[in-house]
PDB file of N, CA and C in Angstrom:
ATOM      1  N   UNK A   1      83.455 110.705 134.383  1.00  0.00           N
ATOM      2  CA  UNK A   1      83.519 111.621 133.194  1.00  0.00           C
ATOM      3  C   UNK A   1      83.953 110.773 132.038  1.00  0.00           C
ATOM      4  N   UNK A   2      83.097 111.173 130.922  1.00  0.00           N
ATOM      5  CA  UNK A   2      83.480 110.265 129.819  1.00  0.00           C
ATOM      6  C   UNK A   2      84.490 111.022 128.853  1.00  0.00           C
ATOM      7  N   UNK A   3      85.332 110.351 127.983  1.00  0.00           N
ATOM      8  CA  UNK A   3      86.258 110.965 127.113  1.00  0.00           C
ATOM      9  C   UNK A   3      85.903 110.684 125.813  1.00  0.00           C
ATOM     10  N   UNK A   4      84.655 110.393 125.530  1.00  0.00           N
ATOM     11  CA  UNK A   4      84.231 110.058 124.170  1.00  0.00           C
ATOM     12  C   UNK A   4      84.210 111.284 123.395  1.00  0.00           C
ATOM     13  N   UNK A   5      84.625 111.231 122.111  1.00  0.00           N
ATOM     14  CA  UNK A   5      84.646 112.411 121.142  1.00  0.00           C
ATOM     15  C   UNK A   5      83.804 111.920 119.860  1.00  0.00           C
ATOM     16  N   UNK A   6      82.666 112.711 119.475  1.00  0.00           N
ATOM     17  CA  UNK A   6      81.995 112.483 118.295  1.00  0.00           C
ATOM     18  C   UNK A   6      82.330 113.375 117.145  1.00  0.00           C
ATOM     19  N   UNK A   7      82.964 113.108 116.147  1.00  0.00           N
ATOM     20  CA  UNK A   7      83.237 114.027 115.186  1.00  0.00           C
ATOM     21  C   UNK A   7      82.113 114.134 114.183  1.00  0.00           C
ATOM     22  N   UNK A   8      81.841 115.331 113.693  1.00  0.00           N
ATOM     23  CA  UNK A   8      80.974 115.713 112.672  1.00  0.00           C
ATOM     24  C   UNK A   8      81.394 114.916 111.299  1.00  0.00           C
ATOM     25  N   UNK A   9      82.685 115.150 111.016  1.00  0.00           N
ATOM     26  CA  UNK A   9      83.247 114.692 109.853  1.00  0.00           C
ATOM     27  C   UNK A   9      84.195 113.409 110.266  1.00  0.00           C
ATOM     28  N   UNK A  10      83.901 112.234 109.831  1.00  0.00           N
ATOM     29  CA  UNK A  10      84.731 111.217 110.215  1.00  0.00           C
ATOM     30  C   UNK A  10      86.060 111.277 109.469  1.00  0.00           C
ATOM     31  N   UNK A  11      87.159 110.878 110.020  1.00  0.00           N
ATOM     32  CA  UNK A  11      88.538 110.792 109.672  1.00  0.00           C
ATOM     33  C   UNK A  11      88.587 109.609 108.842  1.00  0.00           C
ATOM     34  N   UNK A  12      89.241 109.703 107.438  1.00  0.00           N
ATOM     35  CA  UNK A  12      89.444 108.643 106.759  1.00  0.00           C
ATOM     36  C   UNK A  12      90.951 108.337 106.724  1.00  0.00           C
ATOM     37  N   UNK A  13      91.305 107.095 107.244  1.00  0.00           N
ATOM     38  CA  UNK A  13      92.794 106.762 107.394  1.00  0.00           C
ATOM     39  C   UNK A  13      93.393 106.010 106.237  1.00  0.00           C
ATOM     40  N   UNK A  14      92.577 105.485 105.388  1.00  0.00           N
ATOM     41  CA  UNK A  14      93.007 104.772 104.036  1.00  0.00           C
ATOM     42  C   UNK A  14      92.589 105.443 102.841  1.00  0.00           C
ATOM     43  N   UNK A  15      93.439 106.242 102.197  1.00  0.00           N
ATOM     44  CA  UNK A  15      93.077 106.867 101.066  1.00  0.00           C
ATOM     45  C   UNK A  15      92.553 105.789  99.951  1.00  0.00           C
ATOM     46  N   UNK A  16      91.841 106.405  98.938  1.00  0.00           N
ATOM     47  CA  UNK A  16      91.282 105.475  97.660  1.00  0.00           C
ATOM     48  C   UNK A  16      92.227 105.569  96.752  1.00  0.00           C
ATOM     49  N   UNK A  17      93.409 104.943  96.856  1.00  0.00           N
ATOM     50  CA  UNK A  17      94.274 105.079  95.713  1.00  0.00           C
ATOM     51  C   UNK A  17      93.865 104.017  94.673  1.00  0.00           C
ATOM     52  N   UNK A  18      94.170 104.252  93.377  1.00  0.00           N
ATOM     53  CA  UNK A  18      93.895 103.509  92.278  1.00  0.00           C
ATOM     54  C   UNK A  18      95.106 102.327  92.327  1.00  0.00           C
ATOM     55  N   UNK A  19      94.674 101.111  92.250  1.00  0.00           N
ATOM     56  CA  UNK A  19      95.736 100.137  92.398  1.00  0.00           C
ATOM     57  C   UNK A  19      95.868  99.524  91.049  1.00  0.00           C
ATOM     58  N   UNK A  20      97.042  99.432  90.601  1.00  0.00           N
ATOM     59  CA  UNK A  20      97.362  98.732  89.398  1.00  0.00           C
ATOM     60  C   UNK A  20      97.070  97.164  89.437  1.00  0.00           C
ATOM     61  N   UNK A  21      96.921  96.540  88.258  1.00  0.00           N
ATOM     62  CA  UNK A  21      96.746  95.124  88.234  1.00  0.00           C
ATOM     63  C   UNK A  21      97.935  94.323  88.749  1.00  0.00           C
ATOM     64  N   UNK A  22      97.577  93.262  89.421  1.00  0.00           N
ATOM     65  CA  UNK A  22      98.626  92.368  89.920  1.00  0.00           C
ATOM     66  C   UNK A  22      99.633  91.916  88.802  1.00  0.00           C
ATOM     67  N   UNK A  23     100.812  92.060  89.199  1.00  0.00           N
ATOM     68  CA  UNK A  23     101.864  91.612  88.189  1.00  0.00           C
ATOM     69  C   UNK A  23     102.282  92.906  87.362  1.00  0.00           C
ATOM     70  N   UNK A  24     101.868  93.960  87.611  1.00  0.00           N
ATOM     71  CA  UNK A  24     102.399  95.220  86.858  1.00  0.00           C
ATOM     72  C   UNK A  24     103.817  95.634  87.228  1.00  0.00           C
ATOM     73  N   UNK A  25     104.447  96.331  86.344  1.00  0.00           N
ATOM     74  CA  UNK A  25     105.787  96.691  86.739  1.00  0.00           C
ATOM     75  C   UNK A  25     106.038  98.041  86.421  1.00  0.00           C
ATOM     76  N   UNK A  26     106.773  98.723  87.313  1.00  0.00           N
ATOM     77  CA  UNK A  26     107.053 100.159  87.011  1.00  0.00           C
ATOM     78  C   UNK A  26     108.411 100.500  87.527  1.00  0.00           C
ATOM     79  N   UNK A  27     109.232 101.404  86.809  1.00  0.00           N
ATOM     80  CA  UNK A  27     110.392 101.986  87.322  1.00  0.00           C
ATOM     81  C   UNK A  27     110.272 103.153  88.000  1.00  0.00           C
ATOM     82  N   UNK A  28     111.024 103.445  89.081  1.00  0.00           N
ATOM     83  CA  UNK A  28     110.952 104.567  89.947  1.00  0.00           C
ATOM     84  C   UNK A  28     111.413 105.936  89.047  1.00  0.00           C
ATOM     85  N   UNK A  29     110.569 106.861  89.156  1.00  0.00           N
ATOM     86  CA  UNK A  29     110.787 108.136  88.412  1.00  0.00           C
ATOM     87  C   UNK A  29     111.882 108.974  89.147  1.00  0.00           C
ATOM     88  N   UNK A  30     112.311 108.615  90.341  1.00  0.00           N
ATOM     89  CA  UNK A  30     113.305 109.359  90.957  1.00  0.00           C
ATOM     90  C   UNK A  30     114.750 108.787  90.627  1.00  0.00           C
ATOM     91  N   UNK A  31     114.883 107.412  90.723  1.00  0.00           N
ATOM     92  CA  UNK A  31     116.078 106.746  90.518  1.00  0.00           C
ATOM     93  C   UNK A  31     116.103 105.704  89.514  1.00  0.00           C
ATOM     94  N   UNK A  32     115.225 105.557  88.739  1.00  0.00           N
ATOM     95  CA  UNK A  32     115.094 104.576  87.626  1.00  0.00           C
ATOM     96  C   UNK A  32     115.235 103.123  88.122  1.00  0.00           C
ATOM     97  N   UNK A  33     115.070 102.747  89.246  1.00  0.00           N
ATOM     98  CA  UNK A  33     115.140 101.351  89.771  1.00  0.00           C
ATOM     99  C   UNK A  33     113.719 100.648  89.708  1.00  0.00           C
ATOM    100  N   UNK A  34     113.869  99.369  89.645  1.00  0.00           N
ATOM    101  CA  UNK A  34     112.559  98.792  89.502  1.00  0.00           C
ATOM    102  C   UNK A  34     111.729  98.821  90.941  1.00  0.00           C
ATOM    103  N   UNK A  35     110.439  99.089  90.917  1.00  0.00           N
ATOM    104  CA  UNK A  35     109.680  99.278  92.055  1.00  0.00           C
ATOM    105  C   UNK A  35     108.944  98.007  92.457  1.00  0.00           C
ATOM    106  N   UNK A  36     108.559  97.922  93.685  1.00  0.00           N
ATOM    107  CA  UNK A  36     107.743  96.822  94.189  1.00  0.00           C
ATOM    108  C   UNK A  36     106.151  97.231  94.352  1.00  0.00           C
ATOM    109  N   UNK A  37     105.390  96.429  93.781  1.00  0.00           N
ATOM    110  CA  UNK A  37     104.009  96.693  93.887  1.00  0.00           C
ATOM    111  C   UNK A  37     103.457  96.014  95.130  1.00  0.00           C
ATOM    112  N   UNK A  38     102.959  96.864  96.228  1.00  0.00           N
ATOM    113  CA  UNK A  38     102.465  96.334  97.426  1.00  0.00           C
ATOM    114  C   UNK A  38     101.052  95.602  97.179  1.00  0.00           C
ATOM    115  N   UNK A  39     100.628  94.658  97.968  1.00  0.00           N
ATOM    116  CA  UNK A  39      99.404  93.985  97.861  1.00  0.00           C
ATOM    117  C   UNK A  39      98.210  95.158  98.502  1.00  0.00           C
ATOM    118  N   UNK A  40      97.226  95.016  97.889  1.00  0.00           N
ATOM    119  CA  UNK A  40      96.169  95.829  98.224  1.00  0.00           C
ATOM    120  C   UNK A  40      95.388  95.263  99.442  1.00  0.00           C
ATOM    121  N   UNK A  41      95.854  95.320 100.558  1.00  0.00           N
ATOM    122  CA  UNK A  41      95.385  94.759 101.773  1.00  0.00           C
ATOM    123  C   UNK A  41      94.546  95.777 102.458  1.00  0.00           C
ATOM    124  N   UNK A  42      93.599  95.435 103.158  1.00  0.00           N
ATOM    125  CA  UNK A  42      92.696  96.486 103.973  1.00  0.00           C
ATOM    126  C   UNK A  42      93.635  97.066 105.091  1.00  0.00           C
ATOM    127  N   UNK A  43      94.430  96.335 105.636  1.00  0.00           N
ATOM    128  CA  UNK A  43      95.313  96.881 106.824  1.00  0.00           C
ATOM    129  C   UNK A  43      96.590  97.555 106.231  1.00  0.00           C
ATOM    130  N   UNK A  44      96.864  97.787 104.966  1.00  0.00           N
ATOM    131  CA  UNK A  44      97.860  98.477 104.387  1.00  0.00           C
ATOM    132  C   UNK A  44      97.521  99.999 104.065  1.00  0.00           C
ATOM    133  N   UNK A  45      98.166 100.951 104.694  1.00  0.00           N
ATOM    134  CA  UNK A  45      97.683 102.331 104.481  1.00  0.00           C
ATOM    135  C   UNK A  45      98.664 103.195 103.454  1.00  0.00           C
ATOM    136  N   UNK A  46      99.702 102.600 102.828  1.00  0.00           N
ATOM    137  CA  UNK A  46     100.530 103.171 102.086  1.00  0.00           C
ATOM    138  C   UNK A  46      99.997 103.336 100.676  1.00  0.00           C
ATOM    139  N   UNK A  47     100.960 103.826  99.768  1.00  0.00           N
ATOM    140  CA  UNK A  47     100.713 103.824  98.314  1.00  0.00           C
ATOM    141  C   UNK A  47     101.071 102.683  97.650  1.00  0.00           C
ATOM    142  N   UNK A  48     100.576 102.426  96.487  1.00  0.00           N
ATOM    143  CA  UNK A  48     100.822 101.088  95.865  1.00  0.00           C
ATOM    144  C   UNK A  48     102.202 100.712  95.555  1.00  0.00           C
ATOM    145  N   UNK A  49     103.078 101.701  95.073  1.00  0.00           N
ATOM    146  CA  UNK A  49     104.393 101.469  94.630  1.00  0.00           C
ATOM    147  C   UNK A  49     105.367 101.860  95.725  1.00  0.00           C
ATOM    148  N   UNK A  50     106.389 101.027  95.752  1.00  0.00           N
ATOM    149  CA  UNK A  50     107.505 101.318  96.876  1.00  0.00           C
ATOM    150  C   UNK A  50     108.787 101.129  96.128  1.00  0.00           C
ATOM    151  N   UNK A  51     109.680 102.116  96.191  1.00  0.00           N
ATOM    152  CA  UNK A  51     111.112 102.002  95.693  1.00  0.00           C
ATOM    153  C   UNK A  51     111.893 101.735  96.816  1.00  0.00           C
ATOM    154  N   UNK A  52     112.509 100.527  96.826  1.00  0.00           N
ATOM    155  CA  UNK A  52     113.386 100.039  97.830  1.00  0.00           C
ATOM    156  C   UNK A  52     114.736 100.962  97.882  1.00  0.00           C
ATOM    157  N   UNK A  53     115.268 101.201  96.624  1.00  0.00           N
ATOM    158  CA  UNK A  53     116.495 102.137  96.463  1.00  0.00           C
ATOM    159  C   UNK A  53     116.473 103.419  97.108  1.00  0.00           C
ATOM    160  N   UNK A  54     115.477 104.223  96.783  1.00  0.00           N
ATOM    161  CA  UNK A  54     115.234 105.571  97.275  1.00  0.00           C
ATOM    162  C   UNK A  54     114.246 105.679  98.414  1.00  0.00           C
ATOM    163  N   UNK A  55     113.772 104.573  98.894  1.00  0.00           N
ATOM    164  CA  UNK A  55     112.804 104.644 100.029  1.00  0.00           C
ATOM    165  C   UNK A  55     111.559 105.467  99.771  1.00  0.00           C
ATOM    166  N   UNK A  56     110.908 105.441  98.651  1.00  0.00           N
ATOM    167  CA  UNK A  56     109.978 106.405  98.468  1.00  0.00           C
ATOM    168  C   UNK A  56     108.587 105.572  97.893  1.00  0.00           C
ATOM    169  N   UNK A  57     107.499 106.115  98.362  1.00  0.00           N
ATOM    170  CA  UNK A  57     106.198 105.474  97.792  1.00  0.00           C
ATOM    171  C   UNK A  57     105.614 106.342  96.821  1.00  0.00           C
ATOM    172  N   UNK A  58     104.843 105.639  95.834  1.00  0.00           N
ATOM    173  CA  UNK A  58     104.222 106.400  94.727  1.00  0.00           C
ATOM    174  C   UNK A  58     102.760 105.874  94.460  1.00  0.00           C
ATOM    175  N   UNK A  59     101.812 106.713  94.079  1.00  0.00           N
ATOM    176  CA  UNK A  59     100.672 106.399  93.759  1.00  0.00           C
ATOM    177  C   UNK A  59     100.490 106.284  92.100  1.00  0.00           C
ATOM    178  N   UNK A  60      99.546 105.520  91.597  1.00  0.00           N
ATOM    179  CA  UNK A  60      99.326 105.549  90.224  1.00  0.00           C
ATOM    180  C   UNK A  60      99.100 107.097  89.602  1.00  0.00           C
ATOM    181  N   UNK A  61      98.356 107.831  90.376  1.00  0.00           N
ATOM    182  CA  UNK A  61      98.149 109.141  89.898  1.00  0.00           C
ATOM    183  C   UNK A  61      99.468 109.975  89.851  1.00  0.00           C
ATOM    184  N   UNK A  62     100.423 109.799  90.668  1.00  0.00           N
ATOM    185  CA  UNK A  62     101.676 110.563  90.780  1.00  0.00           C
ATOM    186  C   UNK A  62     102.683 110.106  89.530  1.00  0.00           C
ATOM    187  N   UNK A  63     102.429 108.772  89.150  1.00  0.00           N
ATOM    188  CA  UNK A  63     103.286 108.187  88.194  1.00  0.00           C
ATOM    189  C   UNK A  63     102.777 108.778  86.815  1.00  0.00           C
ATOM    190  N   UNK A  64     101.454 108.899  86.718  1.00  0.00           N
ATOM    191  CA  UNK A  64     100.874 109.401  85.531  1.00  0.00           C
ATOM    192  C   UNK A  64     101.190 110.925  85.048  1.00  0.00           C
ATOM    193  N   UNK A  65     101.419 111.688  86.200  1.00  0.00           N
ATOM    194  CA  UNK A  65     101.557 113.142  85.966  1.00  0.00           C
ATOM    195  C   UNK A  65     102.959 113.577  85.518  1.00  0.00           C
TER     196      UNK A  65
END
């Protein structure tokens, strides 16, 4: 018996976040600490900005609003 599953709508695991230019800097809107810009690698599934102080991720879209 086969356990293959075919989905009508494929699941997207890596969202299409807008990535800032390399070398960009941004302060965390929660704690005002400097955030780290993650590399835009195909195996990375998180958001572009990471705040080490409060352990939170942000996208460009979230920071603009």
